[in-house]
């Protein structure tokens, strides 16, 4: 099993959810309004100085679906912009 964590700009929530609905994502956990700082995305703190926030989706799936999900995220990244979405994958033991 794999865990795929997808971090994306909250302003893109509708586009991300629609695209992933057509991918392999059937079940997920969403955390909204996350603060952070990225090399390409800049600072998101939800303030006037550092506007914007991120959302996170966690998807537990088999390795084949994880690979397909990463392909879908890369396609979204090309379409929506490099600061908009990233995926991270790690092994899931339980």
C-alpha atoms as a PDB file:
ATOM      1  CA  UNK A   1       0.000   0.000   0.000  1.00  0.00           C
ATOM      2  CA  UNK A   2       0.992   3.602  -0.618  1.00  0.00           C
ATOM      3  CA  UNK A   3      -0.034   6.928   0.848  1.00  0.00           C
ATOM      4  CA  UNK A   4      -0.251   9.792  -1.615  1.00  0.00           C
ATOM      5  CA  UNK A   5      -0.325  13.287  -0.141  1.00  0.00           C
ATOM      6  CA  UNK A   6      -1.498  15.972  -2.550  1.00  0.00           C
ATOM      7  CA  UNK A   7      -0.885  19.572  -1.490  1.00  0.00           C
ATOM      8  CA  UNK A   8      -2.502  22.326  -3.538  1.00  0.00           C
ATOM      9  CA  UNK A   9      -3.536  25.973  -3.450  1.00  0.00           C
ATOM     10  CA  UNK A  10      -7.047  26.273  -1.988  1.00  0.00           C
ATOM     11  CA  UNK A  11      -8.063  28.565  -4.857  1.00  0.00           C
ATOM     12  CA  UNK A  12      -7.823  25.533  -7.159  1.00  0.00           C
ATOM     13  CA  UNK A  13     -10.004  23.225  -5.075  1.00  0.00           C
ATOM     14  CA  UNK A  14     -12.808  22.839  -7.606  1.00  0.00           C
ATOM     15  CA  UNK A  15     -10.453  22.117 -10.515  1.00  0.00           C
ATOM     16  CA  UNK A  16      -8.384  19.675  -8.469  1.00  0.00           C
ATOM     17  CA  UNK A  17     -11.387  17.751  -7.153  1.00  0.00           C
ATOM     18  CA  UNK A  18     -12.980  17.523 -10.619  1.00  0.00           C
ATOM     19  CA  UNK A  19      -9.772  16.276 -12.230  1.00  0.00           C
ATOM     20  CA  UNK A  20      -9.044  13.734  -9.503  1.00  0.00           C
ATOM     21  CA  UNK A  21     -12.619  12.453  -9.684  1.00  0.00           C
ATOM     22  CA  UNK A  22     -11.781  11.280 -13.219  1.00  0.00           C
ATOM     23  CA  UNK A  23      -8.541   9.692 -12.017  1.00  0.00           C
ATOM     24  CA  UNK A  24      -8.232   6.778  -9.571  1.00  0.00           C
ATOM     25  CA  UNK A  25      -9.315   8.702  -6.459  1.00  0.00           C
ATOM     26  CA  UNK A  26     -12.360   7.086  -4.901  1.00  0.00           C
ATOM     27  CA  UNK A  27     -11.643   7.661  -1.215  1.00  0.00           C
ATOM     28  CA  UNK A  28      -9.604  10.386   0.410  1.00  0.00           C
ATOM     29  CA  UNK A  29      -9.163  12.534   3.485  1.00  0.00           C
ATOM     30  CA  UNK A  30      -9.137  16.314   2.933  1.00  0.00           C
ATOM     31  CA  UNK A  31      -7.638  18.876   5.279  1.00  0.00           C
ATOM     32  CA  UNK A  32      -8.512  22.461   4.395  1.00  0.00           C
ATOM     33  CA  UNK A  33      -6.828  25.782   5.215  1.00  0.00           C
ATOM     34  CA  UNK A  34      -3.234  24.639   5.697  1.00  0.00           C
ATOM     35  CA  UNK A  35      -0.427  27.171   6.063  1.00  0.00           C
ATOM     36  CA  UNK A  36       3.044  26.667   4.635  1.00  0.00           C
ATOM     37  CA  UNK A  37       5.984  27.804   2.574  1.00  0.00           C
ATOM     38  CA  UNK A  38       7.330  26.234  -0.604  1.00  0.00           C
ATOM     39  CA  UNK A  39      10.289  26.903  -2.854  1.00  0.00           C
ATOM     40  CA  UNK A  40       8.132  27.541  -5.931  1.00  0.00           C
ATOM     41  CA  UNK A  41       4.814  28.408  -4.285  1.00  0.00           C
ATOM     42  CA  UNK A  42       5.988  30.996  -1.778  1.00  0.00           C
ATOM     43  CA  UNK A  43       4.442  31.625   1.620  1.00  0.00           C
ATOM     44  CA  UNK A  44       0.778  30.888   2.331  1.00  0.00           C
ATOM     45  CA  UNK A  45      -0.281  32.083   5.786  1.00  0.00           C
ATOM     46  CA  UNK A  46      -3.844  33.303   5.141  1.00  0.00           C
ATOM     47  CA  UNK A  47      -2.959  36.891   6.074  1.00  0.00           C
ATOM     48  CA  UNK A  48      -2.877  40.218   4.222  1.00  0.00           C
ATOM     49  CA  UNK A  49       0.907  40.032   4.028  1.00  0.00           C
ATOM     50  CA  UNK A  50       1.039  36.330   3.077  1.00  0.00           C
ATOM     51  CA  UNK A  51      -2.353  35.584   1.464  1.00  0.00           C
ATOM     52  CA  UNK A  52      -3.660  32.193   0.474  1.00  0.00           C
ATOM     53  CA  UNK A  53      -3.765  28.783   2.081  1.00  0.00           C
ATOM     54  CA  UNK A  54      -3.379  25.207   0.901  1.00  0.00           C
ATOM     55  CA  UNK A  55      -5.467  22.072   1.103  1.00  0.00           C
ATOM     56  CA  UNK A  56      -4.147  18.545   1.550  1.00  0.00           C
ATOM     57  CA  UNK A  57      -5.635  15.302   0.260  1.00  0.00           C
ATOM     58  CA  UNK A  58      -4.442  11.975   1.660  1.00  0.00           C
ATOM     59  CA  UNK A  59      -5.156   8.957  -0.535  1.00  0.00           C
ATOM     60  CA  UNK A  60      -4.367   5.405   0.622  1.00  0.00           C
ATOM     61  CA  UNK A  61      -4.140   3.095  -2.391  1.00  0.00           C
ATOM     62  CA  UNK A  62      -2.183   0.300  -4.028  1.00  0.00           C
ATOM     63  CA  UNK A  63       1.065   1.021  -5.874  1.00  0.00           C
ATOM     64  CA  UNK A  64      -0.527   0.958  -9.347  1.00  0.00           C
ATOM     65  CA  UNK A  65      -3.150   3.535  -8.356  1.00  0.00           C
ATOM     66  CA  UNK A  66      -0.492   5.684  -6.657  1.00  0.00           C
ATOM     67  CA  UNK A  67       1.498   5.818  -9.897  1.00  0.00           C
ATOM     68  CA  UNK A  68      -1.638   6.759 -11.853  1.00  0.00           C
ATOM     69  CA  UNK A  69      -2.498   9.420  -9.301  1.00  0.00           C
ATOM     70  CA  UNK A  70       0.957  10.976  -9.609  1.00  0.00           C
ATOM     71  CA  UNK A  71       0.494  11.083 -13.398  1.00  0.00           C
ATOM     72  CA  UNK A  72      -2.837  12.890 -12.898  1.00  0.00           C
ATOM     73  CA  UNK A  73      -1.270  15.383 -10.483  1.00  0.00           C
ATOM     74  CA  UNK A  74       1.601  16.073 -12.905  1.00  0.00           C
ATOM     75  CA  UNK A  75      -0.952  16.762 -15.659  1.00  0.00           C
ATOM     76  CA  UNK A  76      -2.788  19.170 -13.341  1.00  0.00           C
ATOM     77  CA  UNK A  77       0.511  20.820 -12.444  1.00  0.00           C
ATOM     78  CA  UNK A  78       1.191  21.451 -16.136  1.00  0.00           C
ATOM     79  CA  UNK A  79      -2.310  22.850 -16.627  1.00  0.00           C
ATOM     80  CA  UNK A  80      -2.664  24.907 -13.428  1.00  0.00           C
ATOM     81  CA  UNK A  81       0.900  26.036 -12.756  1.00  0.00           C
ATOM     82  CA  UNK A  82       3.867  24.788 -10.775  1.00  0.00           C
ATOM     83  CA  UNK A  83       2.947  26.649  -7.603  1.00  0.00           C
ATOM     84  CA  UNK A  84      -0.497  25.081  -7.599  1.00  0.00           C
ATOM     85  CA  UNK A  85      -0.166  21.369  -6.816  1.00  0.00           C
ATOM     86  CA  UNK A  86       2.341  18.708  -5.743  1.00  0.00           C
ATOM     87  CA  UNK A  87       2.144  15.027  -4.830  1.00  0.00           C
ATOM     88  CA  UNK A  88       4.267  13.055  -2.385  1.00  0.00           C
ATOM     89  CA  UNK A  89       4.197   9.252  -2.041  1.00  0.00           C
ATOM     90  CA  UNK A  90       5.386   6.982   0.738  1.00  0.00           C
ATOM     91  CA  UNK A  91       4.892   3.407   1.915  1.00  0.00           C
ATOM     92  CA  UNK A  92       1.878   2.702   4.081  1.00  0.00           C
ATOM     93  CA  UNK A  93       2.199  -0.208   6.480  1.00  0.00           C
ATOM     94  CA  UNK A  94      -1.194  -0.112   8.220  1.00  0.00           C
END
